[in-house]
């Protein structure tokens, strides 16, 4: 009876040890550096939606096909962009939600920035 109890206890200890040693290690996801290429024209942008996480440091590398007055709502970033240029817009994604990006001159919605909240 004691030998049988010993075998069961040793098996249980072995299973717990294997569980601890073989479980996946998940690093906490913190803010990241994000560099995103975006093509902007008078009728929209590609990609249409830019998704980032709260706290990410975001660099938008804009290739401008048409002259637009770029406005990122919520972050109040406005830039006059000239056709044939490459521009950079940088921000830290401190506000969560969906934010329209529009051509302020024509009120055309070009796309949107989506900032997802980090686990709290």
C-alpha atoms as a PDB file:
ATOM      1  CA  UNK A   1       0.000   0.000   0.000  1.00  0.00           C
ATOM      2  CA  UNK A   2       2.797   2.471   0.823  1.00  0.00           C
ATOM      3  CA  UNK A   3       4.588   1.632  -2.427  1.00  0.00           C
ATOM      4  CA  UNK A   4       1.419   2.360  -4.358  1.00  0.00           C
ATOM      5  CA  UNK A   5       0.995   5.690  -2.501  1.00  0.00           C
ATOM      6  CA  UNK A   6       4.631   6.502  -3.295  1.00  0.00           C
ATOM      7  CA  UNK A   7       4.064   5.877  -7.026  1.00  0.00           C
ATOM      8  CA  UNK A   8       0.926   8.079  -7.089  1.00  0.00           C
ATOM      9  CA  UNK A   9       2.716  10.898  -5.216  1.00  0.00           C
ATOM     10  CA  UNK A  10       5.775  10.682  -7.489  1.00  0.00           C
ATOM     11  CA  UNK A  11       3.525  10.767 -10.566  1.00  0.00           C
ATOM     12  CA  UNK A  12       1.691  13.822  -9.256  1.00  0.00           C
ATOM     13  CA  UNK A  13       4.959  15.613  -8.502  1.00  0.00           C
ATOM     14  CA  UNK A  14       6.253  14.733 -11.977  1.00  0.00           C
ATOM     15  CA  UNK A  15       3.082  16.098 -13.631  1.00  0.00           C
ATOM     16  CA  UNK A  16       3.277  19.370 -11.666  1.00  0.00           C
ATOM     17  CA  UNK A  17       6.982  19.751 -12.532  1.00  0.00           C
ATOM     18  CA  UNK A  18       6.283  19.125 -16.242  1.00  0.00           C
ATOM     19  CA  UNK A  19       3.422  21.628 -16.191  1.00  0.00           C
ATOM     20  CA  UNK A  20       5.659  24.306 -14.665  1.00  0.00           C
ATOM     21  CA  UNK A  21       8.588  23.595 -16.995  1.00  0.00           C
ATOM     22  CA  UNK A  22       6.600  23.292 -20.237  1.00  0.00           C
ATOM     23  CA  UNK A  23       4.032  26.071 -19.896  1.00  0.00           C
ATOM     24  CA  UNK A  24       4.394  28.853 -22.470  1.00  0.00           C
ATOM     25  CA  UNK A  25       6.029  32.019 -21.271  1.00  0.00           C
ATOM     26  CA  UNK A  26       3.952  35.026 -22.264  1.00  0.00           C
ATOM     27  CA  UNK A  27       5.743  38.326 -21.973  1.00  0.00           C
ATOM     28  CA  UNK A  28       3.531  41.221 -20.957  1.00  0.00           C
ATOM     29  CA  UNK A  29       2.641  43.310 -23.993  1.00  0.00           C
ATOM     30  CA  UNK A  30       3.699  46.886 -23.483  1.00  0.00           C
ATOM     31  CA  UNK A  31       3.764  49.854 -25.809  1.00  0.00           C
ATOM     32  CA  UNK A  32       5.565  49.257 -29.098  1.00  0.00           C
ATOM     33  CA  UNK A  33       7.299  51.298 -31.781  1.00  0.00           C
ATOM     34  CA  UNK A  34       5.074  51.131 -34.876  1.00  0.00           C
ATOM     35  CA  UNK A  35       6.094  52.380 -38.318  1.00  0.00           C
ATOM     36  CA  UNK A  36       3.284  52.187 -40.868  1.00  0.00           C
ATOM     37  CA  UNK A  37       3.431  52.985 -44.590  1.00  0.00           C
ATOM     38  CA  UNK A  38       0.326  54.812 -45.820  1.00  0.00           C
ATOM     39  CA  UNK A  39      -0.542  56.005 -49.329  1.00  0.00           C
ATOM     40  CA  UNK A  40      -2.735  59.118 -49.315  1.00  0.00           C
ATOM     41  CA  UNK A  41      -4.832  60.433 -52.212  1.00  0.00           C
ATOM     42  CA  UNK A  42      -7.823  62.770 -52.515  1.00  0.00           C
ATOM     43  CA  UNK A  43     -10.302  59.876 -52.399  1.00  0.00           C
ATOM     44  CA  UNK A  44      -8.796  57.888 -49.534  1.00  0.00           C
ATOM     45  CA  UNK A  45      -5.779  56.183 -48.059  1.00  0.00           C
ATOM     46  CA  UNK A  46      -4.350  52.677 -48.106  1.00  0.00           C
ATOM     47  CA  UNK A  47      -4.634  51.003 -45.689  1.00  0.00           C
ATOM     48  CA  UNK A  48      -8.076  52.452 -44.859  1.00  0.00           C
ATOM     49  CA  UNK A  49      -7.703  51.497 -41.196  1.00  0.00           C
ATOM     50  CA  UNK A  50      -4.595  51.764 -39.032  1.00  0.00           C
ATOM     51  CA  UNK A  51      -4.787  49.725 -35.806  1.00  0.00           C
ATOM     52  CA  UNK A  52      -2.365  50.283 -32.918  1.00  0.00           C
ATOM     53  CA  UNK A  53      -2.304  49.711 -29.172  1.00  0.00           C
ATOM     54  CA  UNK A  54      -2.633  52.262 -26.425  1.00  0.00           C
ATOM     55  CA  UNK A  55       0.749  53.790 -25.616  1.00  0.00           C
ATOM     56  CA  UNK A  56       2.349  52.777 -28.932  1.00  0.00           C
ATOM     57  CA  UNK A  57       4.756  55.275 -30.479  1.00  0.00           C
ATOM     58  CA  UNK A  58       3.410  55.541 -34.038  1.00  0.00           C
ATOM     59  CA  UNK A  59       5.195  56.819 -37.128  1.00  0.00           C
ATOM     60  CA  UNK A  60       3.038  57.158 -40.239  1.00  0.00           C
ATOM     61  CA  UNK A  61       5.148  57.239 -43.411  1.00  0.00           C
ATOM     62  CA  UNK A  62       2.848  58.997 -45.861  1.00  0.00           C
ATOM     63  CA  UNK A  63       3.302  58.704 -49.625  1.00  0.00           C
ATOM     64  CA  UNK A  64       1.169  61.535 -50.994  1.00  0.00           C
ATOM     65  CA  UNK A  65      -0.514  61.035 -54.390  1.00  0.00           C
ATOM     66  CA  UNK A  66      -2.825  64.119 -54.268  1.00  0.00           C
ATOM     67  CA  UNK A  67      -2.644  67.414 -52.420  1.00  0.00           C
ATOM     68  CA  UNK A  68      -4.713  67.131 -49.207  1.00  0.00           C
ATOM     69  CA  UNK A  69      -5.098  68.875 -45.874  1.00  0.00           C
ATOM     70  CA  UNK A  70      -4.501  65.814 -43.635  1.00  0.00           C
ATOM     71  CA  UNK A  71      -6.395  65.984 -40.327  1.00  0.00           C
ATOM     72  CA  UNK A  72      -6.284  63.251 -37.670  1.00  0.00           C
ATOM     73  CA  UNK A  73      -9.264  63.943 -35.395  1.00  0.00           C
ATOM     74  CA  UNK A  74      -8.903  63.421 -31.658  1.00  0.00           C
ATOM     75  CA  UNK A  75      -5.167  64.018 -31.831  1.00  0.00           C
ATOM     76  CA  UNK A  76      -5.654  67.346 -33.670  1.00  0.00           C
ATOM     77  CA  UNK A  77      -2.806  66.711 -36.059  1.00  0.00           C
ATOM     78  CA  UNK A  78      -3.173  68.720 -39.249  1.00  0.00           C
ATOM     79  CA  UNK A  79      -0.754  68.877 -42.158  1.00  0.00           C
ATOM     80  CA  UNK A  80      -0.866  70.328 -45.648  1.00  0.00           C
ATOM     81  CA  UNK A  81       0.406  67.513 -47.854  1.00  0.00           C
ATOM     82  CA  UNK A  82       1.572  68.152 -51.419  1.00  0.00           C
ATOM     83  CA  UNK A  83       1.230  65.615 -54.220  1.00  0.00           C
ATOM     84  CA  UNK A  84       4.421  63.716 -55.017  1.00  0.00           C
ATOM     85  CA  UNK A  85       5.941  64.085 -51.550  1.00  0.00           C
ATOM     86  CA  UNK A  86       6.682  61.744 -48.681  1.00  0.00           C
ATOM     87  CA  UNK A  87       5.811  63.004 -45.210  1.00  0.00           C
ATOM     88  CA  UNK A  88       6.109  61.637 -41.681  1.00  0.00           C
ATOM     89  CA  UNK A  89       3.543  62.016 -38.909  1.00  0.00           C
ATOM     90  CA  UNK A  90       4.525  60.899 -35.413  1.00  0.00           C
ATOM     91  CA  UNK A  91       2.340  60.469 -32.359  1.00  0.00           C
ATOM     92  CA  UNK A  92       2.020  58.539 -29.131  1.00  0.00           C
ATOM     93  CA  UNK A  93      -1.326  56.707 -29.029  1.00  0.00           C
ATOM     94  CA  UNK A  94      -2.523  57.974 -25.658  1.00  0.00           C
ATOM     95  CA  UNK A  95      -6.232  58.197 -26.543  1.00  0.00           C
ATOM     96  CA  UNK A  96      -8.210  55.013 -27.211  1.00  0.00           C
ATOM     97  CA  UNK A  97     -11.025  54.718 -29.722  1.00  0.00           C
ATOM     98  CA  UNK A  98     -11.642  55.323 -33.439  1.00  0.00           C
ATOM     99  CA  UNK A  99     -10.373  58.539 -34.959  1.00  0.00           C
ATOM    100  CA  UNK A 100     -11.278  59.771 -38.442  1.00  0.00           C
ATOM    101  CA  UNK A 101      -8.567  60.897 -40.788  1.00  0.00           C
ATOM    102  CA  UNK A 102      -9.967  63.341 -43.305  1.00  0.00           C
ATOM    103  CA  UNK A 103      -9.043  65.821 -45.989  1.00  0.00           C
ATOM    104  CA  UNK A 104      -9.987  68.916 -44.025  1.00  0.00           C
ATOM    105  CA  UNK A 105     -10.296  71.005 -47.211  1.00  0.00           C
ATOM    106  CA  UNK A 106     -12.957  68.765 -48.836  1.00  0.00           C
ATOM    107  CA  UNK A 107     -14.278  66.969 -45.711  1.00  0.00           C
ATOM    108  CA  UNK A 108     -13.571  63.634 -47.444  1.00  0.00           C
ATOM    109  CA  UNK A 109     -12.950  60.808 -44.965  1.00  0.00           C
ATOM    110  CA  UNK A 110      -9.638  59.230 -45.957  1.00  0.00           C
ATOM    111  CA  UNK A 111      -9.501  56.490 -43.307  1.00  0.00           C
ATOM    112  CA  UNK A 112      -9.290  55.949 -39.572  1.00  0.00           C
ATOM    113  CA  UNK A 113      -6.874  55.328 -36.729  1.00  0.00           C
ATOM    114  CA  UNK A 114      -8.037  52.692 -34.225  1.00  0.00           C
ATOM    115  CA  UNK A 115      -6.290  52.692 -30.841  1.00  0.00           C
ATOM    116  CA  UNK A 116      -7.076  49.561 -28.796  1.00  0.00           C
ATOM    117  CA  UNK A 117      -6.779  49.777 -24.994  1.00  0.00           C
ATOM    118  CA  UNK A 118      -4.071  47.745 -23.270  1.00  0.00           C
ATOM    119  CA  UNK A 119      -5.111  45.290 -20.579  1.00  0.00           C
ATOM    120  CA  UNK A 120      -5.544  47.154 -17.338  1.00  0.00           C
END
